[in-house]
């Protein structure tokens, strides 16, 4: 089992910045396979950014440039730096960890952290 706890969300004005954190605990050996998704009201959950199982970073094409994912293996923590926030970035941001067991995987999710951007 893996537990994920997000923090760092809040209310911010357009153009501002936020840094989200997600700390993992439990059966975790690496921050590889961790990432951030978001879900806006009435919309499907979408990938924002992830650290792949190989340790590289992956971003949603439409979000490249304003979002930066990073991590600290010693702290089992991944971060999401968001700059130039826009009202359309308003969403619940979820941390995800995909753990592989041979050819199968489990997805673990945090409880989410609300980001609200005012215009």
C-alpha atoms as a PDB file:
ATOM      1  CA  UNK A   1       0.000   0.000   0.000  1.00  0.00           C
ATOM      2  CA  UNK A   2       1.019   3.561  -0.706  1.00  0.00           C
ATOM      3  CA  UNK A   3      -0.353   6.659   0.980  1.00  0.00           C
ATOM      4  CA  UNK A   4      -0.098  10.054  -0.671  1.00  0.00           C
ATOM      5  CA  UNK A   5      -0.631  13.395   1.014  1.00  0.00           C
ATOM      6  CA  UNK A   6      -0.803  16.598  -1.007  1.00  0.00           C
ATOM      7  CA  UNK A   7      -0.413  20.145   0.214  1.00  0.00           C
ATOM      8  CA  UNK A   8       0.158  23.620  -1.127  1.00  0.00           C
ATOM      9  CA  UNK A   9      -3.108  24.441  -2.829  1.00  0.00           C
ATOM     10  CA  UNK A  10      -5.036  27.608  -2.220  1.00  0.00           C
ATOM     11  CA  UNK A  11      -6.581  30.732  -3.662  1.00  0.00           C
ATOM     12  CA  UNK A  12      -4.291  32.811  -5.844  1.00  0.00           C
ATOM     13  CA  UNK A  13      -4.731  35.669  -8.292  1.00  0.00           C
ATOM     14  CA  UNK A  14      -4.160  35.176 -11.972  1.00  0.00           C
ATOM     15  CA  UNK A  15      -0.496  35.490 -12.812  1.00  0.00           C
ATOM     16  CA  UNK A  16       0.606  34.176  -9.443  1.00  0.00           C
ATOM     17  CA  UNK A  17       2.479  31.026  -8.559  1.00  0.00           C
ATOM     18  CA  UNK A  18       1.996  27.992  -6.363  1.00  0.00           C
ATOM     19  CA  UNK A  19       4.121  25.038  -5.401  1.00  0.00           C
ATOM     20  CA  UNK A  20       2.295  21.825  -4.598  1.00  0.00           C
ATOM     21  CA  UNK A  21       3.871  19.012  -2.619  1.00  0.00           C
ATOM     22  CA  UNK A  22       3.050  15.346  -2.409  1.00  0.00           C
ATOM     23  CA  UNK A  23       4.672  13.071   0.135  1.00  0.00           C
ATOM     24  CA  UNK A  24       4.417   9.338  -0.208  1.00  0.00           C
ATOM     25  CA  UNK A  25       4.631   6.730   2.504  1.00  0.00           C
ATOM     26  CA  UNK A  26       4.218   2.994   2.727  1.00  0.00           C
ATOM     27  CA  UNK A  27       5.483   0.555   0.142  1.00  0.00           C
ATOM     28  CA  UNK A  28       7.497   2.999  -1.922  1.00  0.00           C
ATOM     29  CA  UNK A  29      11.078   2.713  -3.068  1.00  0.00           C
ATOM     30  CA  UNK A  30      11.354   5.638  -5.454  1.00  0.00           C
ATOM     31  CA  UNK A  31       9.503   8.706  -6.598  1.00  0.00           C
ATOM     32  CA  UNK A  32       9.658   7.331 -10.131  1.00  0.00           C
ATOM     33  CA  UNK A  33       6.138   6.720 -11.323  1.00  0.00           C
ATOM     34  CA  UNK A  34       4.691   9.635  -9.366  1.00  0.00           C
ATOM     35  CA  UNK A  35       2.816  12.437 -10.996  1.00  0.00           C
ATOM     36  CA  UNK A  36       0.152  15.102 -10.845  1.00  0.00           C
ATOM     37  CA  UNK A  37      -3.310  15.099 -12.354  1.00  0.00           C
ATOM     38  CA  UNK A  38      -6.052  17.665 -12.115  1.00  0.00           C
ATOM     39  CA  UNK A  39      -9.806  17.661 -12.380  1.00  0.00           C
ATOM     40  CA  UNK A  40     -11.832  20.774 -13.009  1.00  0.00           C
ATOM     41  CA  UNK A  41     -15.565  20.876 -12.279  1.00  0.00           C
ATOM     42  CA  UNK A  42     -17.488  18.988 -14.917  1.00  0.00           C
ATOM     43  CA  UNK A  43     -14.343  17.739 -16.629  1.00  0.00           C
ATOM     44  CA  UNK A  44     -12.375  14.528 -16.697  1.00  0.00           C
ATOM     45  CA  UNK A  45      -9.239  14.078 -14.685  1.00  0.00           C
ATOM     46  CA  UNK A  46      -6.220  14.878 -16.824  1.00  0.00           C
ATOM     47  CA  UNK A  47      -2.493  14.374 -16.581  1.00  0.00           C
ATOM     48  CA  UNK A  48      -0.483  17.477 -15.722  1.00  0.00           C
ATOM     49  CA  UNK A  49       3.016  16.100 -15.274  1.00  0.00           C
ATOM     50  CA  UNK A  50       4.748  12.940 -14.176  1.00  0.00           C
ATOM     51  CA  UNK A  51       8.088  11.405 -13.399  1.00  0.00           C
ATOM     52  CA  UNK A  52       8.189   8.268 -15.467  1.00  0.00           C
ATOM     53  CA  UNK A  53       9.278   4.866 -14.264  1.00  0.00           C
ATOM     54  CA  UNK A  54      12.588   5.596 -15.968  1.00  0.00           C
ATOM     55  CA  UNK A  55      13.051   8.848 -14.070  1.00  0.00           C
ATOM     56  CA  UNK A  56      12.354  11.253 -16.901  1.00  0.00           C
ATOM     57  CA  UNK A  57       9.657  13.916 -16.816  1.00  0.00           C
ATOM     58  CA  UNK A  58       6.526  14.001 -18.904  1.00  0.00           C
ATOM     59  CA  UNK A  59       4.129  16.914 -19.346  1.00  0.00           C
ATOM     60  CA  UNK A  60       0.754  17.407 -20.926  1.00  0.00           C
ATOM     61  CA  UNK A  61       1.446  19.149 -24.215  1.00  0.00           C
ATOM     62  CA  UNK A  62      -0.979  21.976 -23.476  1.00  0.00           C
ATOM     63  CA  UNK A  63       0.653  22.743 -20.134  1.00  0.00           C
ATOM     64  CA  UNK A  64       4.320  22.751 -21.035  1.00  0.00           C
ATOM     65  CA  UNK A  65       6.176  25.852 -19.945  1.00  0.00           C
ATOM     66  CA  UNK A  66       4.205  26.896 -16.886  1.00  0.00           C
ATOM     67  CA  UNK A  67       4.343  23.651 -14.919  1.00  0.00           C
ATOM     68  CA  UNK A  68       7.479  22.028 -13.544  1.00  0.00           C
ATOM     69  CA  UNK A  69       7.591  18.700 -11.752  1.00  0.00           C
ATOM     70  CA  UNK A  70      10.496  17.800  -9.525  1.00  0.00           C
ATOM     71  CA  UNK A  71      11.188  15.412  -6.722  1.00  0.00           C
ATOM     72  CA  UNK A  72      13.276  14.484  -3.727  1.00  0.00           C
ATOM     73  CA  UNK A  73      13.864  10.767  -3.346  1.00  0.00           C
ATOM     74  CA  UNK A  74      15.219  11.172   0.174  1.00  0.00           C
ATOM     75  CA  UNK A  75      11.885  12.703   1.229  1.00  0.00           C
ATOM     76  CA  UNK A  76       9.641  10.565  -1.012  1.00  0.00           C
ATOM     77  CA  UNK A  77       8.197  13.856  -2.186  1.00  0.00           C
ATOM     78  CA  UNK A  78       7.313  15.274  -5.561  1.00  0.00           C
ATOM     79  CA  UNK A  79       6.574  18.909  -6.252  1.00  0.00           C
ATOM     80  CA  UNK A  80       4.618  20.768  -8.869  1.00  0.00           C
ATOM     81  CA  UNK A  81       5.631  24.367  -9.462  1.00  0.00           C
ATOM     82  CA  UNK A  82       2.962  26.325 -11.281  1.00  0.00           C
ATOM     83  CA  UNK A  83       3.763  29.774 -12.639  1.00  0.00           C
ATOM     84  CA  UNK A  84       1.583  32.263 -14.482  1.00  0.00           C
ATOM     85  CA  UNK A  85      -1.602  30.789 -13.059  1.00  0.00           C
ATOM     86  CA  UNK A  86      -4.751  31.258 -15.122  1.00  0.00           C
ATOM     87  CA  UNK A  87      -8.403  30.962 -14.059  1.00  0.00           C
ATOM     88  CA  UNK A  88      -8.649  27.836 -16.213  1.00  0.00           C
ATOM     89  CA  UNK A  89      -6.061  26.196 -13.956  1.00  0.00           C
ATOM     90  CA  UNK A  90      -8.704  26.081 -11.237  1.00  0.00           C
ATOM     91  CA  UNK A  91      -9.105  22.438 -10.310  1.00  0.00           C
ATOM     92  CA  UNK A  92      -8.457  19.812  -7.685  1.00  0.00           C
ATOM     93  CA  UNK A  93      -4.901  18.617  -8.136  1.00  0.00           C
ATOM     94  CA  UNK A  94      -4.266  14.978  -7.332  1.00  0.00           C
ATOM     95  CA  UNK A  95      -1.024  13.191  -6.692  1.00  0.00           C
ATOM     96  CA  UNK A  96      -0.654   9.768  -8.269  1.00  0.00           C
ATOM     97  CA  UNK A  97       1.726   6.879  -7.801  1.00  0.00           C
ATOM     98  CA  UNK A  98       1.736   3.969 -10.222  1.00  0.00           C
ATOM     99  CA  UNK A  99       3.385   0.923  -8.726  1.00  0.00           C
ATOM    100  CA  UNK A 100       4.300  -1.917 -11.038  1.00  0.00           C
ATOM    101  CA  UNK A 101       4.196  -5.577 -10.060  1.00  0.00           C
ATOM    102  CA  UNK A 102       5.645  -7.381 -13.028  1.00  0.00           C
ATOM    103  CA  UNK A 103       3.270  -6.640 -15.892  1.00  0.00           C
ATOM    104  CA  UNK A 104       0.509  -5.349 -13.627  1.00  0.00           C
ATOM    105  CA  UNK A 105       0.180  -2.082 -11.776  1.00  0.00           C
ATOM    106  CA  UNK A 106      -1.783  -0.356  -9.056  1.00  0.00           C
ATOM    107  CA  UNK A 107      -2.640   3.325  -9.109  1.00  0.00           C
ATOM    108  CA  UNK A 108      -2.666   5.150  -5.811  1.00  0.00           C
ATOM    109  CA  UNK A 109      -4.209   8.604  -5.332  1.00  0.00           C
ATOM    110  CA  UNK A 110      -4.011  11.333  -2.779  1.00  0.00           C
ATOM    111  CA  UNK A 111      -7.046  13.152  -1.466  1.00  0.00           C
ATOM    112  CA  UNK A 112      -6.407  16.145  -3.700  1.00  0.00           C
ATOM    113  CA  UNK A 113      -5.627  19.772  -3.058  1.00  0.00           C
ATOM    114  CA  UNK A 114      -7.802  22.601  -4.368  1.00  0.00           C
ATOM    115  CA  UNK A 115      -6.253  25.290  -6.524  1.00  0.00           C
ATOM    116  CA  UNK A 116      -8.474  28.271  -7.238  1.00  0.00           C
ATOM    117  CA  UNK A 117      -7.320  31.078  -9.488  1.00  0.00           C
ATOM    118  CA  UNK A 118      -9.198  34.356  -9.433  1.00  0.00           C
ATOM    119  CA  UNK A 119      -9.238  36.720 -12.378  1.00  0.00           C
END
